[in-house]
Amino acid sequence: MWRRFQKSTVMFAVVLCPILSATVGARPFDTMPVCSQAEVKALRFITVGRASLHRPDCNTTSPLSAPLRLDFTYYREIPGDAFAKAARKIIKRNLPAVAFKRLASRIDAFNAAYQTIQQGDRYSLDYHADGTLVLLLNGEAVAREKGDDFASAYLSIWFGERPYSDALKAALMDVGS
């Protein structure tokens, strides 16, 4: 009986532990389906990458509620300071002056994490249910800020009244694409 128990314990360890560890190690954002995607263009005609919106349920009635992932895969080199400058400018035009002033130092600190990227690099923004927004470069967290107010302001870059691109916003909001 003891030998049978030992043998079954070894079988459990050999067969199931790798499966369990892969499941435990997987991040929930990595398993979210792609709900929509679109080309990212600079100056409205130069394709610089592809954006995709990931959600646990693509048919949600509230497409920008947490959790979600916004992924950007780039086709060319882009300087880190270009991301930071554009992000600040677009957030500022989407927020009332008082709200922007209240968030400005947090926005600048978050933007300081941007680095120059090369072809094939990927930036992701993970918006967690607890209100935390995490910026990842090629899967590694480089910035983190907590607060739904911050996340909402930051996501206004792509989904605000005056986004980076109206065409990109429309394509990402179209969960049928």
Protein backbone atom coordinates (compact mmCIF):
# COMPACT_ATOMS: atom_id res chain seq x y z
CA MET A 1 0.00 0.00 0.00
CA TRP A 2 2.80 2.45 0.93
CA ARG A 3 4.57 1.72 -2.36
CA ARG A 4 1.39 2.41 -4.31
CA PHE A 5 0.99 5.73 -2.44
CA GLN A 6 4.60 6.69 -3.19
CA LYS A 7 4.17 5.77 -6.84
CA SER A 8 0.95 7.80 -7.18
CA THR A 9 2.61 10.78 -5.43
CA VAL A 10 5.52 10.64 -7.86
CA MET A 11 3.08 10.42 -10.81
CA PHE A 12 1.24 13.48 -9.47
CA ALA A 13 4.48 15.40 -9.22
CA VAL A 14 5.67 14.38 -12.68
CA VAL A 15 2.39 14.86 -14.53
CA LEU A 16 0.41 17.57 -12.74
CA CYS A 17 2.97 19.88 -11.17
CA PRO A 18 4.24 21.27 -14.49
CA ILE A 19 0.62 21.94 -15.51
CA LEU A 20 -0.18 23.63 -12.20
CA SER A 21 2.99 25.71 -12.21
CA ALA A 22 2.30 26.93 -15.75
CA THR A 23 -1.20 27.95 -14.72
CA VAL A 24 -0.04 29.62 -11.51
CA GLY A 25 2.77 31.44 -13.34
CA ALA A 26 0.51 32.78 -16.11
CA ARG A 27 -0.55 36.37 -15.64
CA PRO A 28 -4.29 36.95 -16.10
CA PHE A 29 -3.68 39.70 -18.66
CA ASP A 30 -1.72 37.29 -20.85
CA THR A 31 -4.78 35.08 -21.27
CA MET A 32 -7.29 37.80 -22.19
CA PRO A 33 -8.63 37.55 -25.73
CA VAL A 34 -7.99 40.28 -28.29
CA CYS A 35 -11.24 42.21 -28.63
CA SER A 36 -10.11 44.66 -31.30
CA GLN A 37 -6.98 45.84 -33.04
CA ALA A 38 -5.83 48.55 -35.40
CA GLU A 39 -2.79 50.02 -37.10
CA VAL A 40 -1.08 52.87 -35.25
CA LYS A 41 -0.16 55.71 -37.55
CA ALA A 42 2.08 58.73 -37.08
CA LEU A 43 1.19 61.87 -39.01
CA ARG A 44 -1.97 59.99 -40.11
CA PHE A 45 -0.22 58.03 -42.85
CA ILE A 46 2.97 56.39 -41.54
CA THR A 47 2.19 53.03 -39.96
CA VAL A 48 4.39 52.66 -36.88
CA GLY A 49 2.76 49.70 -35.18
CA ARG A 50 -0.34 47.79 -34.16
CA ALA A 51 -2.55 48.36 -31.14
CA SER A 52 -4.85 45.78 -29.60
CA LEU A 53 -7.42 45.93 -26.82
CA HIS A 54 -7.72 42.85 -24.59
CA ARG A 55 -10.56 42.22 -22.12
CA PRO A 56 -11.81 39.17 -20.24
CA ASP A 57 -15.18 39.63 -22.01
CA CYS A 58 -15.19 41.45 -25.34
CA ASN A 59 -18.96 41.93 -25.20
CA THR A 60 -18.94 44.00 -22.03
CA THR A 61 -21.19 47.06 -21.92
CA SER A 62 -18.38 49.08 -20.35
CA PRO A 63 -15.40 48.59 -22.68
CA LEU A 64 -12.95 50.72 -20.69
CA SER A 65 -13.60 49.34 -17.24
CA ALA A 66 -10.88 47.33 -15.55
CA PRO A 67 -9.45 44.85 -16.14
CA LEU A 68 -8.09 45.47 -19.61
CA ARG A 69 -4.84 45.46 -21.53
CA LEU A 70 -3.89 47.88 -24.27
CA ASP A 71 -0.99 46.49 -26.31
CA PHE A 72 1.23 48.30 -28.81
CA THR A 73 3.68 46.40 -30.99
CA TYR A 74 6.02 48.66 -32.93
CA TYR A 75 7.39 48.28 -36.46
CA ARG A 76 10.17 50.85 -36.11
CA GLU A 77 12.38 52.68 -33.62
CA ILE A 78 10.66 55.41 -31.59
CA PRO A 79 12.46 57.62 -29.05
CA GLY A 80 11.27 57.29 -25.44
CA ASP A 81 10.88 61.03 -25.01
CA ALA A 82 8.43 61.09 -27.96
CA PHE A 83 6.08 58.82 -26.00
CA ALA A 84 6.37 60.95 -22.87
CA LYS A 85 5.81 64.28 -24.65
CA ALA A 86 2.84 63.01 -26.66
CA ALA A 87 1.24 61.36 -23.62
CA ARG A 88 1.46 64.53 -21.53
CA LYS A 89 0.13 66.73 -24.34
CA ILE A 90 -2.86 64.48 -25.14
CA ILE A 91 -3.82 63.92 -21.50
CA LYS A 92 -3.67 67.68 -20.92
CA ARG A 93 -6.05 68.38 -23.81
CA ASN A 94 -8.51 65.74 -22.52
CA LEU A 95 -8.69 66.89 -18.90
CA PRO A 96 -9.99 70.01 -17.22
CA ALA A 97 -7.05 72.21 -16.14
CA VAL A 98 -7.65 71.52 -12.43
CA ALA A 99 -7.65 67.74 -12.93
CA PHE A 100 -4.52 67.86 -15.07
CA LYS A 101 -2.70 70.00 -12.50
CA ARG A 102 -3.65 67.54 -9.75
CA LEU A 103 -2.28 64.57 -11.75
CA ALA A 104 0.66 66.24 -13.56
CA SER A 105 3.44 65.03 -11.27
CA ARG A 106 2.11 61.45 -11.34
CA ILE A 107 1.81 61.59 -15.13
CA ASP A 108 5.38 62.88 -15.46
CA ALA A 109 6.72 60.19 -13.12
CA PHE A 110 4.89 57.47 -15.08
CA ASN A 111 6.08 58.90 -18.41
CA ALA A 112 9.69 58.93 -17.21
CA ALA A 113 9.70 55.14 -17.62
CA TYR A 114 9.39 55.30 -21.40
CA GLN A 115 12.47 54.11 -23.24
CA THR A 116 13.50 54.21 -26.87
CA ILE A 117 12.06 51.14 -28.53
CA GLN A 118 13.17 49.14 -31.54
CA GLN A 119 11.25 47.27 -34.22
CA GLY A 120 9.35 44.39 -32.59
CA ASP A 121 9.23 45.91 -29.10
CA ARG A 122 5.91 45.98 -27.28
CA TYR A 123 4.48 48.40 -24.74
CA SER A 124 1.44 47.23 -22.78
CA LEU A 125 -0.80 49.05 -20.36
CA ASP A 126 -2.54 46.76 -17.87
CA TYR A 127 -5.46 48.32 -16.04
CA HIS A 128 -6.18 46.23 -12.93
CA ALA A 129 -9.50 45.93 -11.12
CA ASP A 130 -7.97 47.66 -8.06
CA GLY A 131 -7.34 50.80 -10.17
CA THR A 132 -3.63 50.19 -10.76
CA LEU A 133 -2.23 51.01 -14.19
CA VAL A 134 0.99 49.20 -15.11
CA LEU A 135 3.22 50.03 -18.06
CA LEU A 136 5.16 47.05 -19.39
CA LEU A 137 7.94 46.96 -21.95
CA ASN A 138 8.22 43.54 -23.59
CA GLY A 139 6.38 41.99 -20.65
CA GLU A 140 8.43 43.62 -17.87
CA ALA A 141 6.81 46.25 -15.63
CA VAL A 142 8.56 49.62 -15.92
CA ALA A 143 5.97 51.92 -14.27
CA ARG A 144 3.02 51.55 -11.94
CA GLU A 145 0.46 54.04 -10.65
CA LYS A 146 -2.62 53.40 -8.56
CA GLY A 147 -5.93 55.19 -8.90
CA ASP A 148 -8.89 54.97 -11.25
CA ASP A 149 -8.59 58.74 -11.74
CA PHE A 150 -5.05 58.32 -13.02
CA ALA A 151 -5.92 55.31 -15.22
CA SER A 152 -8.91 57.10 -16.72
CA ALA A 153 -6.80 60.18 -17.46
CA TYR A 154 -4.05 58.08 -18.99
CA LEU A 155 -6.42 56.02 -21.13
CA SER A 156 -7.84 59.29 -22.47
CA ILE A 157 -4.77 59.33 -24.73
CA TRP A 158 -6.53 56.72 -26.87
CA PHE A 159 -10.15 56.91 -25.70
CA GLY A 160 -10.74 60.52 -24.64
CA GLU A 161 -12.82 63.18 -26.37
CA ARG A 162 -9.66 64.34 -28.17
CA PRO A 163 -7.56 61.18 -28.53
CA TYR A 164 -4.26 60.56 -30.28
CA SER A 165 -6.25 59.33 -33.29
CA ASP A 166 -10.00 59.28 -33.87
CA ALA A 167 -9.57 56.38 -36.32
CA LEU A 168 -7.56 54.36 -33.80
CA LYS A 169 -10.10 55.05 -31.07
CA ALA A 170 -12.99 53.96 -33.32
CA ALA A 171 -11.22 50.78 -34.39
CA LEU A 172 -10.29 49.81 -30.82
CA MET A 173 -13.81 50.51 -29.56
CA ASP A 174 -15.26 48.28 -32.31
CA VAL A 175 -15.14 44.89 -30.61
CA GLY A 176 -16.25 43.25 -33.85
CA SER A 177 -12.93 43.97 -35.61
